Amino acid sequence: MKDKNLFLELLDYSVSGESFQLLYNAEYDMLETYPKPEENNLNRYYQSEEYISHTDSKRNLFEKTYHVVRQFALRKKVRLINKFNQGNDKELLDIGCGTGDFLNKAFENGWNIYGIEPNEKARAIANDKTNNHVFDSETLFKIDHKFDVITLWHVLEHVSDLENYINQIKSLLKPNGIVVVAVPNFKSYDAKHYKSFWAAYDVPRHLWHFSKKAVSKLFGNVNIELIDTKPMFFDSFYVSLLSEKFKTGSMNLFKAFFIGLYSNAEGLFTKQYSSHIYILKNT
């Protein structure tokens, strides 16, 4: 990639406190975290009890609310993939499946499930829920199987070797297979409002920061076509809560709710929401 210019300077507020930059790539209309940690050093930036997607804990009101909202979101995700059922043998691969709740719901809806999760603790929880259908990251490049649907729920932004990863996804798709990608959107109102405090930048765990053009172009390079984009309305509230904490030291519930609500309202006109679900089809 080329044409990289400084877009923003910010800190890792969650774990290390280290400084990073976001570089803008004009060709793809996307941001890249710099410096990018070495792949064998990335794991230390995930060593936090606050990393909620790797745990089923419900220690406080925030975590309890998160899990209630997640159950609602899980049902919506399963309804979405059910639209792309291509026959009796419904094959699903969920990359970065966390603690396995989405896979479990998909299994209950008749899908043959296969999961990838790099975090050992989360993978163990997921395997308890899915009868050992979840594997480590290296297995992704050893799978000898084709899938009707491949999902990446807030995963692509974590991938170190983006081009290689997308090529592998292509190789695992059936003809006319579907890829569902959910990622934050740095062009949303809440991103512009919070700037360097916007929690969805989440450097350096998030290595890439995507626009619609970036997702379309990256997958278009391997003949996977963007066919639809959907908003993730709850993300603006969740991200605003964390952003308030980073900015002020406390989760200002009322202000965060207002910013999240305003972001969604503006998105009705701009079509730029806090996070998007991209639906892409193999061609």
Protein backbone atom coordinates (compact mmCIF):
# COMPACT_ATOMS: atom_id res chain seq x y z
CA MET A 1 0.00 0.00 0.00
CA LYS A 2 1.12 3.55 -0.66
CA ASP A 3 0.29 7.22 -0.03
CA LYS A 4 0.33 7.00 3.78
CA ASN A 5 0.03 10.25 5.71
CA LEU A 6 -0.37 10.98 9.41
CA PHE A 7 -4.06 11.02 10.36
CA LEU A 8 -4.00 10.92 14.16
CA GLU A 9 -1.75 10.31 17.17
CA LEU A 10 -3.22 8.37 20.10
CA LEU A 11 -2.55 6.04 23.03
CA ASP A 12 -3.34 2.47 23.94
CA TYR A 13 -5.72 3.29 26.77
CA SER A 14 -6.66 -0.31 27.55
CA VAL A 15 -3.39 -2.11 28.27
CA SER A 16 0.03 -0.62 27.64
CA GLY A 17 -0.36 3.18 27.62
CA GLU A 18 2.02 3.27 24.64
CA SER A 19 1.79 5.83 21.84
CA PHE A 20 0.79 4.99 18.28
CA GLN A 21 -0.07 6.74 15.05
CA LEU A 22 -2.78 6.19 12.48
CA LEU A 23 -1.55 6.55 8.92
CA TYR A 24 -4.04 7.31 6.15
CA ASN A 25 -3.89 5.27 2.96
CA ALA A 26 -5.50 7.31 0.17
CA GLU A 27 -5.54 4.44 -2.33
CA TYR A 28 -7.76 2.28 -0.08
CA ASP A 29 -9.31 5.04 2.05
CA MET A 30 -8.26 3.28 5.25
CA LEU A 31 -6.03 3.77 8.29
CA GLU A 32 -3.09 1.68 9.45
CA THR A 33 -1.76 1.52 13.01
CA TYR A 34 1.93 2.47 13.25
CA PRO A 35 4.17 1.10 14.50
CA LYS A 36 2.58 -2.30 14.02
CA PRO A 37 3.75 -4.69 16.76
CA GLU A 38 5.60 -7.79 15.68
CA GLU A 39 3.19 -10.71 15.36
CA ASN A 40 4.95 -12.71 18.07
CA ASN A 41 4.61 -9.71 20.42
CA LEU A 42 0.94 -8.91 19.77
CA ASN A 43 -0.37 -11.25 22.44
CA ARG A 44 0.84 -9.08 25.33
CA TYR A 45 -1.51 -6.30 24.22
CA TYR A 46 -4.46 -8.62 24.84
CA GLN A 47 -3.48 -9.42 28.43
CA SER A 48 -6.32 -7.62 30.18
CA GLU A 49 -9.31 -8.72 32.20
CA GLU A 50 -11.19 -5.89 30.51
CA TYR A 51 -11.07 -7.66 27.14
CA ILE A 52 -14.71 -8.66 27.36
CA SER A 53 -15.03 -10.77 24.19
CA HIS A 54 -12.63 -13.33 25.71
CA THR A 55 -14.69 -13.95 28.83
CA ASP A 56 -18.19 -14.81 29.97
CA SER A 57 -17.81 -12.84 33.20
CA LYS A 58 -20.65 -10.66 34.50
CA ARG A 59 -18.88 -8.84 37.31
CA ASN A 60 -20.66 -5.50 37.05
CA LEU A 61 -23.61 -3.71 35.43
CA PHE A 62 -21.60 -2.87 32.31
CA GLU A 63 -20.67 -6.51 31.68
CA LYS A 64 -24.19 -7.73 32.49
CA THR A 65 -25.66 -5.22 30.04
CA TYR A 66 -23.11 -6.25 27.42
CA HIS A 67 -24.22 -9.88 27.64
CA VAL A 68 -27.91 -8.99 27.44
CA VAL A 69 -27.29 -6.95 24.29
CA ARG A 70 -25.09 -9.70 22.90
CA GLN A 71 -27.92 -12.24 23.15
CA PHE A 72 -30.13 -9.94 21.09
CA ALA A 73 -27.32 -9.40 18.57
CA LEU A 74 -26.68 -13.16 18.30
CA ARG A 75 -30.26 -13.80 17.21
CA LYS A 76 -29.94 -11.10 14.55
CA LYS A 77 -26.67 -12.58 13.29
CA VAL A 78 -28.19 -16.04 12.94
CA ARG A 79 -31.21 -14.64 11.08
CA LEU A 80 -28.77 -12.92 8.74
CA ILE A 81 -26.78 -16.04 7.82
CA ASN A 82 -29.98 -18.10 7.51
CA LYS A 83 -30.79 -15.98 4.45
CA PHE A 84 -27.81 -17.53 2.70
CA ASN A 85 -28.65 -21.19 3.24
CA GLN A 86 -27.70 -23.01 0.02
CA GLY A 87 -29.03 -26.47 0.89
CA ASN A 88 -29.29 -29.11 3.55
CA ASP A 89 -25.57 -29.12 4.37
CA LYS A 90 -25.13 -25.62 5.73
CA GLU A 91 -21.42 -25.10 6.36
CA LEU A 92 -20.36 -22.19 8.58
CA LEU A 93 -16.86 -21.00 9.51
CA ASP A 94 -16.68 -18.32 12.21
CA ILE A 95 -13.21 -16.79 12.41
CA GLY A 96 -12.39 -15.20 15.76
CA CYS A 97 -15.36 -16.85 17.41
CA GLY A 98 -14.54 -15.71 20.96
CA THR A 99 -16.38 -17.78 23.55
CA GLY A 100 -18.48 -19.57 20.93
CA ASP A 101 -21.96 -18.15 21.52
CA PHE A 102 -22.65 -17.35 17.86
CA LEU A 103 -21.47 -20.79 16.76
CA ASN A 104 -23.69 -22.41 19.36
CA LYS A 105 -26.75 -20.46 18.14
CA ALA A 106 -25.93 -21.34 14.53
CA PHE A 107 -25.66 -25.02 15.45
CA GLU A 108 -29.10 -24.84 17.06
CA ASN A 109 -30.34 -23.49 13.73
CA GLY A 110 -29.03 -26.45 11.74
CA TRP A 111 -25.60 -25.23 10.68
CA ASN A 112 -22.52 -27.45 10.55
CA ILE A 113 -20.10 -25.31 12.55
CA TYR A 114 -16.37 -24.74 12.52
CA GLY A 115 -14.64 -22.04 14.57
CA ILE A 116 -11.23 -20.38 14.79
CA GLU A 117 -10.15 -18.59 17.99
CA PRO A 118 -6.54 -17.60 18.79
CA ASN A 119 -7.07 -16.91 22.49
CA GLU A 120 -6.56 -20.11 24.48
CA LYS A 121 -8.89 -19.16 27.34
CA ALA A 122 -11.73 -18.10 25.05
CA ARG A 123 -11.19 -21.18 22.87
CA ALA A 124 -11.58 -23.48 25.86
CA ILE A 125 -14.89 -21.82 26.78
CA ALA A 126 -16.04 -22.04 23.16
CA ASN A 127 -15.19 -25.73 22.91
CA ASP A 128 -17.30 -26.45 26.00
CA LYS A 129 -20.25 -24.89 24.17
CA THR A 130 -19.65 -26.41 20.73
CA ASN A 131 -18.47 -29.95 21.46
CA ASN A 132 -14.88 -29.14 20.43
CA HIS A 133 -15.55 -27.51 17.07
CA VAL A 134 -13.16 -24.58 17.67
CA PHE A 135 -9.47 -24.56 16.70
CA ASP A 136 -6.42 -22.31 16.91
CA SER A 137 -5.34 -19.72 14.33
CA GLU A 138 -2.83 -21.93 12.55
CA THR A 139 -5.59 -24.38 11.69
CA LEU A 140 -7.19 -21.75 9.44
CA PHE A 141 -4.45 -22.32 6.85
CA LYS A 142 -4.76 -26.12 7.04
CA ILE A 143 -8.52 -26.53 6.50
CA ASP A 144 -9.39 -28.82 3.59
CA HIS A 145 -13.04 -27.83 3.37
CA LYS A 146 -15.37 -25.34 1.67
CA PHE A 147 -17.97 -23.21 3.40
CA ASP A 148 -21.27 -21.61 2.45
CA VAL A 149 -20.75 -18.74 4.89
CA ILE A 150 -17.62 -17.37 6.55
CA THR A 151 -18.11 -14.79 9.30
CA LEU A 152 -15.65 -12.37 10.89
CA TRP A 153 -17.37 -10.42 13.68
CA HIS A 154 -14.94 -7.63 14.58
CA VAL A 155 -11.94 -9.73 13.57
CA LEU A 156 -10.48 -8.36 10.32
CA GLU A 157 -9.10 -5.27 12.08
CA HIS A 158 -6.92 -7.58 14.23
CA VAL A 159 -5.30 -9.47 11.34
CA SER A 160 -1.60 -8.83 10.81
CA ASP A 161 -1.14 -10.10 7.23
CA LEU A 162 -4.32 -8.74 5.66
CA GLU A 163 -3.71 -9.74 2.04
CA ASN A 164 -2.75 -13.32 2.90
CA TYR A 165 -5.75 -13.65 5.20
CA ILE A 166 -8.23 -12.51 2.56
CA ASN A 167 -6.68 -14.88 0.02
CA GLN A 168 -7.20 -17.74 2.47
CA ILE A 169 -10.83 -16.77 3.00
CA LYS A 170 -11.28 -16.86 -0.77
CA SER A 171 -9.85 -20.38 -0.94
CA LEU A 172 -12.28 -21.63 1.72
CA LEU A 173 -15.46 -20.29 0.09
CA LYS A 174 -17.83 -22.35 -2.03
CA PRO A 175 -18.86 -20.86 -5.38
CA ASN A 176 -21.32 -18.06 -4.59
CA GLY A 177 -20.37 -18.40 -0.92
CA ILE A 178 -20.90 -15.47 1.43
CA VAL A 179 -18.47 -13.57 3.65
CA VAL A 180 -19.88 -11.48 6.50
CA VAL A 181 -17.46 -8.91 7.92
CA ALA A 182 -18.22 -6.60 10.86
CA VAL A 183 -15.72 -3.80 11.55
CA PRO A 184 -15.71 -0.32 13.11
CA ASN A 185 -16.11 2.68 10.84
CA PHE A 186 -13.74 5.59 11.43
CA LYS A 187 -16.00 7.87 9.35
CA SER A 188 -18.87 7.70 11.84
CA TYR A 189 -19.98 10.69 13.92
CA ASP A 190 -18.81 9.14 17.20
CA ALA A 191 -15.34 8.57 15.72
CA LYS A 192 -15.14 12.19 14.63
CA HIS A 193 -16.46 13.40 17.99
CA TYR A 194 -14.06 11.44 20.21
CA LYS A 195 -11.05 11.64 17.87
CA SER A 196 -8.00 10.14 19.62
CA PHE A 197 -10.21 8.89 22.48
CA TRP A 198 -12.48 6.87 20.17
CA ALA A 199 -12.45 3.41 21.74
CA ALA A 200 -12.91 1.56 18.46
CA TYR A 201 -9.44 2.61 17.31
CA ASP A 202 -8.24 0.26 20.10
CA VAL A 203 -4.58 0.45 19.07
CA PRO A 204 -2.53 -1.63 18.67
CA ARG A 205 -5.00 -4.54 18.80
CA HIS A 206 -6.77 -2.96 15.84
CA LEU A 207 -4.13 -2.84 13.13
CA TRP A 208 -6.43 -1.59 10.35
CA HIS A 209 -9.35 0.83 10.28
CA PHE A 210 -11.72 0.40 7.37
CA SER A 211 -14.08 2.44 5.22
CA LYS A 212 -16.67 1.03 2.81
CA LYS A 213 -14.28 1.67 -0.05
CA ALA A 214 -11.49 -0.23 1.71
CA VAL A 215 -13.59 -3.35 2.35
CA SER A 216 -14.96 -3.34 -1.20
CA LYS A 217 -11.51 -2.88 -2.76
CA LEU A 218 -9.65 -5.37 -0.55
CA PHE A 219 -12.11 -8.20 -1.22
CA GLY A 220 -12.67 -7.10 -4.81
CA ASN A 221 -8.99 -7.83 -5.43
CA VAL A 222 -9.85 -11.54 -5.06
CA ASN A 223 -13.23 -11.36 -6.84
CA ILE A 224 -15.38 -11.26 -3.72
CA GLU A 225 -18.03 -8.61 -4.36
CA LEU A 226 -19.62 -6.31 -1.78
CA ILE A 227 -23.39 -6.77 -2.15
CA ASP A 228 -24.82 -5.09 0.97
CA THR A 229 -23.92 -3.00 4.01
CA LYS A 230 -25.85 -2.95 7.29
CA PRO A 231 -25.49 -0.78 10.40
CA MET A 232 -24.66 -2.06 13.88
CA PHE A 233 -26.76 0.33 15.97
CA PHE A 234 -25.68 -0.91 19.41
CA ASP A 235 -21.98 -0.36 18.72
CA SER A 236 -22.26 3.44 18.89
CA PHE A 237 -23.49 3.25 22.51
CA TYR A 238 -20.92 0.66 23.62
CA VAL A 239 -18.04 2.50 21.94
CA SER A 240 -19.19 5.88 23.30
CA LEU A 241 -19.25 4.50 26.86
CA LEU A 242 -15.66 3.30 26.57
CA SER A 243 -14.62 6.51 24.81
CA GLU A 244 -16.03 8.57 27.68
CA LYS A 245 -13.99 6.48 30.09
CA PHE A 246 -10.80 7.06 28.08
CA LYS A 247 -11.52 10.78 27.76
CA THR A 248 -12.80 11.65 31.24
CA GLY A 249 -11.88 8.69 33.44
CA SER A 250 -15.48 7.59 33.98
CA MET A 251 -18.30 6.13 31.92
CA ASN A 252 -20.61 9.11 31.57
CA LEU A 253 -23.76 7.12 30.84
CA PHE A 254 -25.99 10.00 29.80
CA LYS A 255 -23.46 11.75 27.59
CA ALA A 256 -22.38 8.47 26.00
CA PHE A 257 -26.01 7.58 25.30
CA PHE A 258 -26.58 10.97 23.67
CA ILE A 259 -23.48 10.70 21.48
CA GLY A 260 -24.39 7.14 20.47
CA LEU A 261 -27.95 8.18 19.67
CA TYR A 262 -26.82 11.21 17.69
CA SER A 263 -24.32 9.09 15.77
CA ASN A 264 -27.05 6.65 14.75
CA ALA A 265 -29.39 9.50 13.82
CA GLU A 266 -26.75 11.14 11.63
CA GLY A 267 -26.02 7.74 10.10
CA LEU A 268 -29.58 7.58 8.79
CA PHE A 269 -28.59 10.40 6.43
CA THR A 270 -24.85 9.82 5.87
CA LYS A 271 -24.97 5.99 5.96
CA GLN A 272 -21.86 6.15 8.14
CA TYR A 273 -22.49 4.24 11.38
CA SER A 274 -20.14 3.39 14.27
CA SER A 275 -19.74 -0.14 12.89
CA HIS A 276 -20.90 -1.80 9.70
CA ILE A 277 -21.71 -5.33 8.65
CA TYR A 278 -20.45 -5.96 5.12
CA ILE A 279 -21.98 -8.80 3.14
CA LEU A 280 -19.80 -10.03 0.28
CA LYS A 281 -20.32 -12.75 -2.30
CA ASN A 282 -17.78 -15.01 -3.99
CA THR A 283 -17.83 -14.55 -7.77
